[in-house]
Full PDB file with SEQRES, HELIX, SHEET, SSBOND, CRYST1, ORIGX, SCALE, CONECT and MASTER records, all heavy atoms in Angstrom:
SEQRES   1 A   43  ALA ASN ALA GLU LEU HIS ARG ALA MET PHE ALA GLY ILE          
SEQRES   2 A   43  ARG PHE ASP VAL GLY TRP ARG ARG SER ALA GLU GLU GLY          
SEQRES   3 A   43  LEU PRO PRO ALA ALA LEU GLY ILE GLU PRO GLY MET ARG          
SEQRES   4 A   43  GLY ALA PHE SER                                              
HELIX    1 AA1 ALA A    3  ALA A   11  1                                   9    
HELIX    2 AA2 PHE A   15  VAL A   17  5                                   3    
HELIX    3 AA3 PRO A   29  ALA A   31  5                                   3    
HELIX    4 AA4 PRO A   36  MET A   38  5                                   3    
HELIX    5 AA5 ARG A   39  PHE A   42  1                                   4    
CRYST1    1.000    1.000    1.000  90.00  90.00  90.00 P 1           1          
ORIGX1      1.000000  0.000000  0.000000        0.00000                         
ORIGX2      0.000000  1.000000  0.000000        0.00000                         
ORIGX3      0.000000  0.000000  1.000000        0.00000                         
SCALE1      1.000000  0.000000  0.000000        0.00000                         
SCALE2      0.000000  1.000000  0.000000        0.00000                         
SCALE3      0.000000  0.000000  1.000000        0.00000                         
ATOM      1  N   ALA A   1     101.017 104.415 111.607  1.00  0.00           N  
ATOM      2  CA  ALA A   1     102.145 104.190 112.509  1.00  0.00           C  
ATOM      3  C   ALA A   1     102.004 102.936 113.353  1.00  0.00           C  
ATOM      4  O   ALA A   1     102.961 102.540 114.031  1.00  0.00           O  
ATOM      5  CB  ALA A   1     102.318 105.402 113.438  1.00  0.00           C  
ATOM      6  N   ASN A   2     100.847 102.304 113.329  1.00  0.00           N  
ATOM      7  CA  ASN A   2     100.576 101.128 114.152  1.00  0.00           C  
ATOM      8  C   ASN A   2     100.457  99.914 113.226  1.00  0.00           C  
ATOM      9  O   ASN A   2      99.660  99.917 112.285  1.00  0.00           O  
ATOM     10  CB  ASN A   2      99.275 101.345 114.930  1.00  0.00           C  
ATOM     11  CG  ASN A   2      98.926 100.183 115.827  1.00  0.00           C  
ATOM     12  OD1 ASN A   2      98.534  99.130 115.347  1.00  0.00           O  
ATOM     13  ND2 ASN A   2      99.042 100.376 117.133  1.00  0.00           N  
ATOM     14  N   ALA A   3     101.239  98.886 113.480  1.00  0.00           N  
ATOM     15  CA  ALA A   3     101.315  97.745 112.566  1.00  0.00           C  
ATOM     16  C   ALA A   3      99.959  97.071 112.375  1.00  0.00           C  
ATOM     17  O   ALA A   3      99.571  96.735 111.243  1.00  0.00           O  
ATOM     18  CB  ALA A   3     102.336  96.733 113.082  1.00  0.00           C  
ATOM     19  N   GLU A   4      99.226  96.856 113.461  1.00  0.00           N  
ATOM     20  CA  GLU A   4      97.936  96.165 113.345  1.00  0.00           C  
ATOM     21  C   GLU A   4      96.924  97.013 112.573  1.00  0.00           C  
ATOM     22  O   GLU A   4      96.209  96.506 111.698  1.00  0.00           O  
ATOM     23  CB  GLU A   4      97.381  95.843 114.734  1.00  0.00           C  
ATOM     24  CG  GLU A   4      96.062  95.084 114.700  1.00  0.00           C  
ATOM     25  CD  GLU A   4      95.542  94.746 116.079  1.00  0.00           C  
ATOM     26  OE1 GLU A   4      96.360  94.653 117.027  1.00  0.00           O  
ATOM     27  OE2 GLU A   4      94.305  94.561 116.222  1.00  0.00           O  
ATOM     28  N   LEU A   5      96.864  98.299 112.877  1.00  0.00           N  
ATOM     29  CA  LEU A   5      95.921  99.167 112.171  1.00  0.00           C  
ATOM     30  C   LEU A   5      96.322  99.335 110.713  1.00  0.00           C  
ATOM     31  O   LEU A   5      95.459  99.382 109.820  1.00  0.00           O  
ATOM     32  CB  LEU A   5      95.862 100.533 112.854  1.00  0.00           C  
ATOM     33  CG  LEU A   5      95.305 100.548 114.273  1.00  0.00           C  
ATOM     34  CD1 LEU A   5      95.385 101.948 114.854  1.00  0.00           C  
ATOM     35  CD2 LEU A   5      93.856 100.045 114.300  1.00  0.00           C  
ATOM     36  N   HIS A   6      97.607  99.427 110.450  1.00  0.00           N  
ATOM     37  CA  HIS A   6      98.100  99.530 109.076  1.00  0.00           C  
ATOM     38  C   HIS A   6      97.709  98.293 108.277  1.00  0.00           C  
ATOM     39  O   HIS A   6      97.219  98.387 107.141  1.00  0.00           O  
ATOM     40  CB  HIS A   6      99.621  99.710 109.099  1.00  0.00           C  
ATOM     41  CG  HIS A   6     100.267  99.707 107.750  1.00  0.00           C  
ATOM     42  ND1 HIS A   6     100.636  98.551 107.096  1.00  0.00           N  
ATOM     43  CD2 HIS A   6     100.612 100.739 106.917  1.00  0.00           C  
ATOM     44  CE1 HIS A   6     101.185  98.850 105.936  1.00  0.00           C  
ATOM     45  NE2 HIS A   6     101.180 100.162 105.802  1.00  0.00           N  
ATOM     46  N   ARG A   7      97.911  97.129 108.866  1.00  0.00           N  
ATOM     47  CA  ARG A   7      97.580  95.882 108.176  1.00  0.00           C  
ATOM     48  C   ARG A   7      96.093  95.810 107.876  1.00  0.00           C  
ATOM     49  O   ARG A   7      95.677  95.433 106.762  1.00  0.00           O  
ATOM     50  CB  ARG A   7      98.006  94.683 109.029  1.00  0.00           C  
ATOM     51  CG  ARG A   7      97.726  93.333 108.391  1.00  0.00           C  
ATOM     52  CD  ARG A   7      98.362  92.212 109.187  1.00  0.00           C  
ATOM     53  NE  ARG A   7      97.928  92.172 110.574  1.00  0.00           N  
ATOM     54  CZ  ARG A   7      98.682  92.534 111.607  1.00  0.00           C  
ATOM     55  NH1 ARG A   7      99.905  92.971 111.410  1.00  0.00           N  
ATOM     56  NH2 ARG A   7      98.210  92.463 112.832  1.00  0.00           N  
ATOM     57  N   ALA A   8      95.260  96.188 108.836  1.00  0.00           N  
ATOM     58  CA  ALA A   8      93.806  96.136 108.629  1.00  0.00           C  
ATOM     59  C   ALA A   8      93.371  97.116 107.550  1.00  0.00           C  
ATOM     60  O   ALA A   8      92.496  96.796 106.734  1.00  0.00           O  
ATOM     61  CB  ALA A   8      93.094  96.445 109.947  1.00  0.00           C  
ATOM     62  N   MET A   9      93.957  98.308 107.534  1.00  0.00           N  
ATOM     63  CA  MET A   9      93.573  99.310 106.536  1.00  0.00           C  
ATOM     64  C   MET A   9      93.915  98.851 105.121  1.00  0.00           C  
ATOM     65  O   MET A   9      93.066  98.868 104.221  1.00  0.00           O  
ATOM     66  CB  MET A   9      94.261 100.637 106.846  1.00  0.00           C  
ATOM     67  CG  MET A   9      94.044 101.705 105.782  1.00  0.00           C  
ATOM     68  SD  MET A   9      94.678 103.333 106.246  1.00  0.00           S  
ATOM     69  CE  MET A   9      96.423 102.990 106.490  1.00  0.00           C  
ATOM     70  N   PHE A  10      95.128  98.425 104.903  1.00  0.00           N  
ATOM     71  CA  PHE A  10      95.547  98.093 103.544  1.00  0.00           C  
ATOM     72  C   PHE A  10      95.030  96.729 103.098  1.00  0.00           C  
ATOM     73  O   PHE A  10      94.948  96.470 101.895  1.00  0.00           O  
ATOM     74  CB  PHE A  10      97.063  98.190 103.421  1.00  0.00           C  
ATOM     75  CG  PHE A  10      97.541  99.605 103.272  1.00  0.00           C  
ATOM     76  CD1 PHE A  10      97.979 100.321 104.374  1.00  0.00           C  
ATOM     77  CD2 PHE A  10      97.512 100.229 102.037  1.00  0.00           C  
ATOM     78  CE1 PHE A  10      98.392 101.644 104.245  1.00  0.00           C  
ATOM     79  CE2 PHE A  10      97.931 101.545 101.893  1.00  0.00           C  
ATOM     80  CZ  PHE A  10      98.366 102.259 102.997  1.00  0.00           C  
ATOM     81  N   ALA A  11      94.665  95.867 104.041  1.00  0.00           N  
ATOM     82  CA  ALA A  11      94.067  94.591 103.656  1.00  0.00           C  
ATOM     83  C   ALA A  11      92.724  94.792 102.964  1.00  0.00           C  
ATOM     84  O   ALA A  11      92.284  93.928 102.191  1.00  0.00           O  
ATOM     85  CB  ALA A  11      93.897  93.700 104.887  1.00  0.00           C  
ATOM     86  N   GLY A  12      92.070  95.917 103.235  1.00  0.00           N  
ATOM     87  CA  GLY A  12      90.767  96.174 102.629  1.00  0.00           C  
ATOM     88  C   GLY A  12      90.826  96.816 101.267  1.00  0.00           C  
ATOM     89  O   GLY A  12      89.787  96.991 100.616  1.00  0.00           O  
ATOM     90  N   ILE A  13      92.024  97.189 100.801  1.00  0.00           N  
ATOM     91  CA  ILE A  13      92.158  97.887  99.512  1.00  0.00           C  
ATOM     92  C   ILE A  13      92.525  96.881  98.425  1.00  0.00           C  
ATOM     93  O   ILE A  13      93.484  96.118  98.558  1.00  0.00           O  
ATOM     94  CB  ILE A  13      93.224  98.999  99.610  1.00  0.00           C  
ATOM     95  CG1 ILE A  13      92.828 100.006 100.685  1.00  0.00           C  
ATOM     96  CG2 ILE A  13      93.381  99.705  98.257  1.00  0.00           C  
ATOM     97  CD1 ILE A  13      93.871 101.076 100.941  1.00  0.00           C  
ATOM     98  N   ARG A  14      91.777  96.904  97.341  1.00  0.00           N  
ATOM     99  CA  ARG A  14      91.936  95.930  96.259  1.00  0.00           C  
ATOM    100  C   ARG A  14      92.927  96.442  95.202  1.00  0.00           C  
ATOM    101  O   ARG A  14      92.533  96.797  94.091  1.00  0.00           O  
ATOM    102  CB  ARG A  14      90.586  95.637  95.637  1.00  0.00           C  
ATOM    103  CG  ARG A  14      89.595  94.920  96.554  1.00  0.00           C  
ATOM    104  CD  ARG A  14      89.972  93.455  96.698  1.00  0.00           C  
ATOM    105  NE  ARG A  14      90.115  92.809  95.402  1.00  0.00           N  
ATOM    106  CZ  ARG A  14      89.084  92.354  94.684  1.00  0.00           C  
ATOM    107  NH1 ARG A  14      87.847  92.462  95.154  1.00  0.00           N  
ATOM    108  NH2 ARG A  14      89.290  91.775  93.521  1.00  0.00           N  
ATOM    109  N   PHE A  15      94.195  96.458  95.533  1.00  0.00           N  
ATOM    110  CA  PHE A  15      95.199  96.898  94.567  1.00  0.00           C  
ATOM    111  C   PHE A  15      95.217  95.996  93.330  1.00  0.00           C  
ATOM    112  O   PHE A  15      95.665  96.414  92.260  1.00  0.00           O  
ATOM    113  CB  PHE A  15      96.578  96.932  95.203  1.00  0.00           C  
ATOM    114  CG  PHE A  15      96.775  98.065  96.174  1.00  0.00           C  
ATOM    115  CD1 PHE A  15      96.743  97.849  97.543  1.00  0.00           C  
ATOM    116  CD2 PHE A  15      96.970  99.356  95.708  1.00  0.00           C  
ATOM    117  CE1 PHE A  15      96.925  98.891  98.436  1.00  0.00           C  
ATOM    118  CE2 PHE A  15      97.147 100.413  96.601  1.00  0.00           C  
ATOM    119  CZ  PHE A  15      97.122 100.179  97.961  1.00  0.00           C  
ATOM    120  N   ASP A  16      94.709  94.772  93.464  1.00  0.00           N  
ATOM    121  CA  ASP A  16      94.745  93.841  92.337  1.00  0.00           C  
ATOM    122  C   ASP A  16      93.854  94.269  91.177  1.00  0.00           C  
ATOM    123  O   ASP A  16      94.063  93.821  90.039  1.00  0.00           O  
ATOM    124  CB  ASP A  16      94.323  92.440  92.801  1.00  0.00           C  
ATOM    125  CG  ASP A  16      92.922  92.417  93.389  1.00  0.00           C  
ATOM    126  OD1 ASP A  16      92.707  93.104  94.421  1.00  0.00           O  
ATOM    127  OD2 ASP A  16      92.041  91.743  92.833  1.00  0.00           O  
ATOM    128  N   VAL A  17      92.870  95.149  91.413  1.00  0.00           N  
ATOM    129  CA  VAL A  17      91.986  95.570  90.318  1.00  0.00           C  
ATOM    130  C   VAL A  17      92.524  96.792  89.591  1.00  0.00           C  
ATOM    131  O   VAL A  17      91.934  97.244  88.602  1.00  0.00           O  
ATOM    132  CB  VAL A  17      90.548  95.847  90.819  1.00  0.00           C  
ATOM    133  CG1 VAL A  17      89.981  94.633  91.521  1.00  0.00           C  
ATOM    134  CG2 VAL A  17      90.489  97.082  91.721  1.00  0.00           C  
ATOM    135  N   GLY A  18      93.633  97.362  90.062  1.00  0.00           N  
ATOM    136  CA  GLY A  18      94.213  98.518  89.396  1.00  0.00           C  
ATOM    137  C   GLY A  18      93.498  99.814  89.761  1.00  0.00           C  
ATOM    138  O   GLY A  18      92.652  99.857  90.654  1.00  0.00           O  
ATOM    139  N   TRP A  19      93.851 100.880  89.014  1.00  0.00           N  
ATOM    140  CA  TRP A  19      93.368 102.224  89.317  1.00  0.00           C  
ATOM    141  C   TRP A  19      92.268 102.685  88.376  1.00  0.00           C  
ATOM    142  O   TRP A  19      91.955 103.879  88.333  1.00  0.00           O  
ATOM    143  CB  TRP A  19      94.536 103.213  89.272  1.00  0.00           C  
ATOM    144  CG  TRP A  19      95.471 103.047  90.430  1.00  0.00           C  
ATOM    145  CD1 TRP A  19      96.562 102.251  90.485  1.00  0.00           C  
ATOM    146  CD2 TRP A  19      95.369 103.682  91.707  1.00  0.00           C  
ATOM    147  NE1 TRP A  19      97.163 102.341  91.721  1.00  0.00           N  
ATOM    148  CE2 TRP A  19      96.462 103.228  92.486  1.00  0.00           C  
ATOM    149  CE3 TRP A  19      94.483 104.605  92.267  1.00  0.00           C  
ATOM    150  CZ2 TRP A  19      96.679 103.654  93.798  1.00  0.00           C  
ATOM    151  CZ3 TRP A  19      94.704 105.035  93.568  1.00  0.00           C  
ATOM    152  CH2 TRP A  19      95.784 104.563  94.322  1.00  0.00           C  
ATOM    153  N   ARG A  20      91.657 101.774  87.656  1.00  0.00           N  
ATOM    154  CA  ARG A  20      90.606 102.175  86.715  1.00  0.00           C  
ATOM    155  C   ARG A  20      89.285 101.454  86.948  1.00  0.00           C  
ATOM    156  O   ARG A  20      88.240 101.919  86.516  1.00  0.00           O  
ATOM    157  CB  ARG A  20      91.051 101.911  85.267  1.00  0.00           C  
ATOM    158  CG  ARG A  20      92.219 102.777  84.822  1.00  0.00           C  
ATOM    159  CD  ARG A  20      92.586 102.488  83.373  1.00  0.00           C  
ATOM    160  NE  ARG A  20      93.710 103.310  82.939  1.00  0.00           N  
ATOM    161  CZ  ARG A  20      93.595 104.534  82.444  1.00  0.00           C  
ATOM    162  NH1 ARG A  20      92.379 105.074  82.317  1.00  0.00           N  
ATOM    163  NH2 ARG A  20      94.659 105.214  82.065  1.00  0.00           N  
ATOM    164  N   ARG A  21      89.343 100.318  87.628  1.00  0.00           N  
ATOM    165  CA  ARG A  21      88.142  99.491  87.766  1.00  0.00           C  
ATOM    166  C   ARG A  21      87.581  99.547  89.180  1.00  0.00           C  
ATOM    167  O   ARG A  21      88.276  99.914  90.130  1.00  0.00           O  
ATOM    168  CB  ARG A  21      88.463  98.042  87.392  1.00  0.00           C  
ATOM    169  CG  ARG A  21      88.784  97.825  85.919  1.00  0.00           C  
ATOM    170  CD  ARG A  21      88.923  96.345  85.631  1.00  0.00           C  
ATOM    171  NE  ARG A  21      90.079  95.775  86.327  1.00  0.00           N  
ATOM    172  CZ  ARG A  21      90.149  94.516  86.761  1.00  0.00           C  
ATOM    173  NH1 ARG A  21      89.120  93.706  86.625  1.00  0.00           N  
ATOM    174  NH2 ARG A  21      91.246  94.075  87.360  1.00  0.00           N  
ATOM    175  N   SER A  22      86.322  99.116  89.303  1.00  0.00           N  
ATOM    176  CA  SER A  22      85.697  98.989  90.602  1.00  0.00           C  
ATOM    177  C   SER A  22      85.850  97.558  91.094  1.00  0.00           C  
ATOM    178  O   SER A  22      86.498  96.727  90.450  1.00  0.00           O  
ATOM    179  CB  SER A  22      84.213  99.383  90.520  1.00  0.00           C  
ATOM    180  OG  SER A  22      83.634  99.384  91.814  1.00  0.00           O  
ATOM    181  N   ALA A  23      85.266  97.259  92.240  1.00  0.00           N  
ATOM    182  CA  ALA A  23      85.302  95.913  92.803  1.00  0.00           C  
ATOM    183  C   ALA A  23      84.026  95.693  93.592  1.00  0.00           C  
ATOM    184  O   ALA A  23      83.513  96.613  94.227  1.00  0.00           O  
ATOM    185  CB  ALA A  23      86.521  95.730  93.704  1.00  0.00           C  
ATOM    186  N   GLU A  24      83.504  94.480  93.545  1.00  0.00           N  
ATOM    187  CA  GLU A  24      82.271  94.173  94.267  1.00  0.00           C  
ATOM    188  C   GLU A  24      82.502  94.107  95.767  1.00  0.00           C  
ATOM    189  O   GLU A  24      81.592  94.401  96.551  1.00  0.00           O  
ATOM    190  CB  GLU A  24      81.681  92.851  93.765  1.00  0.00           C  
ATOM    191  CG  GLU A  24      81.123  92.926  92.356  1.00  0.00           C  
ATOM    192  CD  GLU A  24      80.434  91.644  91.938  1.00  0.00           C  
ATOM    193  OE1 GLU A  24      80.570  90.631  92.669  1.00  0.00           O  
ATOM    194  OE2 GLU A  24      79.765  91.646  90.895  1.00  0.00           O  
ATOM    195  N   GLU A  25      83.670  93.695  96.171  1.00  0.00           N  
ATOM    196  CA  GLU A  25      84.031  93.663  97.588  1.00  0.00           C  
ATOM    197  C   GLU A  25      85.408  94.270  97.770  1.00  0.00           C  
ATOM    198  O   GLU A  25      86.256  94.194  96.884  1.00  0.00           O  
ATOM    199  CB  GLU A  25      83.998  92.227  98.130  1.00  0.00           C  
ATOM    200  CG  GLU A  25      82.603  91.689  98.361  1.00  0.00           C  
ATOM    201  CD  GLU A  25      82.627  90.429  99.202  1.00  0.00           C  
ATOM    202  OE1 GLU A  25      83.359  89.495  98.828  1.00  0.00           O  
ATOM    203  OE2 GLU A  25      81.921  90.382 100.228  1.00  0.00           O  
ATOM    204  N   GLY A  26      85.630  94.878  98.940  1.00  0.00           N  
ATOM    205  CA  GLY A  26      86.865  95.588  99.163  1.00  0.00           C  
ATOM    206  C   GLY A  26      86.827  96.955  98.496  1.00  0.00           C  
ATOM    207  O   GLY A  26      85.898  97.276  97.738  1.00  0.00           O  
ATOM    208  N   LEU A  27      87.816  97.771  98.789  1.00  0.00           N  
ATOM    209  CA  LEU A  27      87.852  99.138  98.274  1.00  0.00           C  
ATOM    210  C   LEU A  27      88.741  99.221  97.042  1.00  0.00           C  
ATOM    211  O   LEU A  27      89.960  98.997  97.130  1.00  0.00           O  
ATOM    212  CB  LEU A  27      88.389 100.084  99.350  1.00  0.00           C  
ATOM    213  CG  LEU A  27      87.519 100.239 100.596  1.00  0.00           C  
ATOM    214  CD1 LEU A  27      88.257 101.026 101.660  1.00  0.00           C  
ATOM    215  CD2 LEU A  27      86.207 100.913 100.242  1.00  0.00           C  
ATOM    216  N   PRO A  28      88.176  99.538  95.875  1.00  0.00           N  
ATOM    217  CA  PRO A  28      89.016  99.728  94.696  1.00  0.00           C  
ATOM    218  C   PRO A  28      89.855 100.993  94.858  1.00  0.00           C  
ATOM    219  O   PRO A  28      89.335 102.029  95.287  1.00  0.00           O  
ATOM    220  CB  PRO A  28      88.002  99.859  93.558  1.00  0.00           C  
ATOM    221  CG  PRO A  28      86.751 100.354  94.206  1.00  0.00           C  
ATOM    222  CD  PRO A  28      86.741  99.756  95.586  1.00  0.00           C  
ATOM    223  N   PRO A  29      91.145 100.960  94.538  1.00  0.00           N  
ATOM    224  CA  PRO A  29      91.976 102.148  94.717  1.00  0.00           C  
ATOM    225  C   PRO A  29      91.438 103.384  94.006  1.00  0.00           C  
ATOM    226  O   PRO A  29      91.585 104.505  94.512  1.00  0.00           O  
ATOM    227  CB  PRO A  29      93.328 101.711  94.129  1.00  0.00           C  
ATOM    228  CG  PRO A  29      93.340 100.230  94.245  1.00  0.00           C  
ATOM    229  CD  PRO A  29      91.918  99.806  94.056  1.00  0.00           C  
ATOM    230  N   ALA A  30      90.787 103.190  92.856  1.00  0.00           N  
ATOM    231  CA  ALA A  30      90.286 104.329  92.085  1.00  0.00           C  
ATOM    232  C   ALA A  30      89.198 105.093  92.821  1.00  0.00           C  
ATOM    233  O   ALA A  30      88.898 106.235  92.466  1.00  0.00           O  
ATOM    234  CB  ALA A  30      89.762 103.848  90.732  1.00  0.00           C  
ATOM    235  N   ALA A  31      88.582 104.487  93.843  1.00  0.00           N  
ATOM    236  CA  ALA A  31      87.523 105.164  94.594  1.00  0.00           C  
ATOM    237  C   ALA A  31      88.064 105.945  95.789  1.00  0.00           C  
ATOM    238  O   ALA A  31      87.286 106.571  96.511  1.00  0.00           O  
ATOM    239  CB  ALA A  31      86.497 104.138  95.078  1.00  0.00           C  
ATOM    240  N   LEU A  32      89.384 105.935  95.990  1.00  0.00           N  
ATOM    241  CA  LEU A  32      89.959 106.536  97.190  1.00  0.00           C  
ATOM    242  C   LEU A  32      90.290 108.016  97.036  1.00  0.00           C  
ATOM    243  O   LEU A  32      90.721 108.656  98.003  1.00  0.00           O  
ATOM    244  CB  LEU A  32      91.225 105.774  97.604  1.00  0.00           C  
ATOM    245  CG  LEU A  32      91.024 104.294  97.949  1.00  0.00           C  
ATOM    246  CD1 LEU A  32      92.341 103.645  98.321  1.00  0.00           C  
ATOM    247  CD2 LEU A  32      90.000 104.123  99.064  1.00  0.00           C  
ATOM    248  N   GLY A  33      90.124 108.553  95.843  1.00  0.00           N  
ATOM    249  CA  GLY A  33      90.357 109.978  95.644  1.00  0.00           C  
ATOM    250  C   GLY A  33      91.819 110.371  95.675  1.00  0.00           C  
ATOM    251  O   GLY A  33      92.141 111.530  95.944  1.00  0.00           O  
ATOM    252  N   ILE A  34      92.725 109.437  95.378  1.00  0.00           N  
ATOM    253  CA  ILE A  34      94.162 109.732  95.360  1.00  0.00           C  
ATOM    254  C   ILE A  34      94.516 110.402  94.024  1.00  0.00           C  
ATOM    255  O   ILE A  34      94.153 109.901  92.963  1.00  0.00           O  
ATOM    256  CB  ILE A  34      95.004 108.454  95.538  1.00  0.00           C  
ATOM    257  CG1 ILE A  34      94.539 107.676  96.784  1.00  0.00           C  
ATOM    258  CG2 ILE A  34      96.481 108.791  95.614  1.00  0.00           C  
ATOM    259  CD1 ILE A  34      94.733 108.399  98.071  1.00  0.00           C  
ATOM    260  N   GLU A  35      95.230 111.523  94.078  1.00  0.00           N  
ATOM    261  CA  GLU A  35      95.615 112.218  92.858  1.00  0.00           C  
ATOM    262  C   GLU A  35      96.521 111.320  92.012  1.00  0.00           C  
ATOM    263  O   GLU A  35      97.328 110.553  92.539  1.00  0.00           O  
ATOM    264  CB  GLU A  35      96.357 113.517  93.195  1.00  0.00           C  
ATOM    265  CG  GLU A  35      95.525 114.528  93.960  1.00  0.00           C  
ATOM    266  CD  GLU A  35      95.553 114.274  95.470  1.00  0.00           C  
ATOM    267  OE1 GLU A  35      96.067 113.220  95.890  1.00  0.00           O  
ATOM    268  OE2 GLU A  35      95.038 115.125  96.207  1.00  0.00           O  
ATOM    269  N   PRO A  36      96.405 111.401  90.666  1.00  0.00           N  
ATOM    270  CA  PRO A  36      97.214 110.519  89.799  1.00  0.00           C  
ATOM    271  C   PRO A  36      98.701 110.534  90.127  1.00  0.00           C  
ATOM    272  O   PRO A  36      99.352 109.488  90.135  1.00  0.00           O  
ATOM    273  CB  PRO A  36      96.930 111.070  88.397  1.00  0.00           C  
ATOM    274  CG  PRO A  36      95.551 111.634  88.496  1.00  0.00           C  
ATOM    275  CD  PRO A  36      95.460 112.224  89.884  1.00  0.00           C  
ATOM    276  N   GLY A  37      99.255 111.697  90.422  1.00  0.00           N  
ATOM    277  CA  GLY A  37     100.686 111.766  90.693  1.00  0.00           C  
ATOM    278  C   GLY A  37     101.107 111.150  92.008  1.00  0.00           C  
ATOM    279  O   GLY A  37     102.302 110.942  92.247  1.00  0.00           O  
ATOM    280  N   MET A  38     100.136 110.849  92.881  1.00  0.00           N  
ATOM    281  CA  MET A  38     100.434 110.307  94.205  1.00  0.00           C  
ATOM    282  C   MET A  38     100.096 108.823  94.316  1.00  0.00           C  
ATOM    283  O   MET A  38     100.327 108.220  95.364  1.00  0.00           O  
ATOM    284  CB  MET A  38      99.656 111.088  95.269  1.00  0.00           C  
ATOM    285  CG  MET A  38     100.019 112.566  95.353  1.00  0.00           C  
ATOM    286  SD  MET A  38     101.757 112.793  95.804  1.00  0.00           S  
ATOM    287  CE  MET A  38     101.774 112.077  97.446  1.00  0.00           C  
ATOM    288  N   ARG A  39      99.575 108.249  93.255  1.00  0.00           N  
ATOM    289  CA  ARG A  39      99.095 106.864  93.354  1.00  0.00           C  
ATOM    290  C   ARG A  39     100.226 105.866  93.576  1.00  0.00           C  
ATOM    291  O   ARG A  39     100.093 104.911  94.349  1.00  0.00           O  
ATOM    292  CB  ARG A  39      98.284 106.507  92.110  1.00  0.00           C  
ATOM    293  CG  ARG A  39      96.961 107.245  92.059  1.00  0.00           C  
ATOM    294  CD  ARG A  39      96.210 107.014  90.758  1.00  0.00           C  
ATOM    295  NE  ARG A  39      94.939 107.743  90.770  1.00  0.00           N  
ATOM    296  CZ  ARG A  39      94.105 107.807  89.742  1.00  0.00           C  
ATOM    297  NH1 ARG A  39      94.423 107.173  88.600  1.00  0.00           N  
ATOM    298  NH2 ARG A  39      92.980 108.483  89.826  1.00  0.00           N  
ATOM    299  N   GLY A  40     101.353 106.076  92.897  1.00  0.00           N  
ATOM    300  CA  GLY A  40     102.484 105.168  93.090  1.00  0.00           C  
ATOM    301  C   GLY A  40     102.992 105.207  94.520  1.00  0.00           C  
ATOM    302  O   GLY A  40     103.255 104.162  95.127  1.00  0.00           O  
ATOM    303  N   ALA A  41     103.096 106.413  95.080  1.00  0.00           N  
ATOM    304  CA  ALA A  41     103.571 106.543  96.453  1.00  0.00           C  
ATOM    305  C   ALA A  41     102.593 105.914  97.434  1.00  0.00           C  
ATOM    306  O   ALA A  41     103.007 105.249  98.399  1.00  0.00           O  
ATOM    307  CB  ALA A  41     103.787 108.022  96.786  1.00  0.00           C  
ATOM    308  N   PHE A  42     101.300 106.105  97.175  1.00  0.00           N  
ATOM    309  CA  PHE A  42     100.308 105.512  98.062  1.00  0.00           C  
ATOM    310  C   PHE A  42     100.383 103.988  98.006  1.00  0.00           C  
ATOM    311  O   PHE A  42     100.277 103.313  99.036  1.00  0.00           O  
ATOM    312  CB  PHE A  42      98.910 105.992  97.695  1.00  0.00           C  
ATOM    313  CG  PHE A  42      97.826 105.425  98.564  1.00  0.00           C  
ATOM    314  CD1 PHE A  42      97.600 105.939  99.833  1.00  0.00           C  
ATOM    315  CD2 PHE A  42      97.052 104.357  98.134  1.00  0.00           C  
ATOM    316  CE1 PHE A  42      96.615 105.403 100.655  1.00  0.00           C  
ATOM    317  CE2 PHE A  42      96.060 103.823  98.944  1.00  0.00           C  
ATOM    318  CZ  PHE A  42      95.847 104.349 100.204  1.00  0.00           C  
ATOM    319  N   SER A  43     100.572 103.444  96.811  1.00  0.00           N  
ATOM    320  CA  SER A  43     100.681 101.988  96.689  1.00  0.00           C  
ATOM    321  C   SER A  43     101.843 101.449  97.506  1.00  0.00           C  
ATOM    322  O   SER A  43     101.766 100.370  98.100  1.00  0.00           O  
ATOM    323  CB  SER A  43     100.847 101.597  95.220  1.00  0.00           C  
ATOM    324  OG  SER A  43      99.709 101.946  94.464  1.00  0.00           O  
TER     325      SER A  43                                                      
MASTER        0    0    0    5    0    0    0    6  324    1    0    4          
END                                                                             
């Protein structure tokens, strides 16, 4: 609900690597434990 906190949270997620791969830096989405049916909504 807070613009600054929202920006900081999602800036750390590596949506560019997709939902199957890992990443050396940043958080790969596949490591976030999001159920397959909810991944589009989370994105």
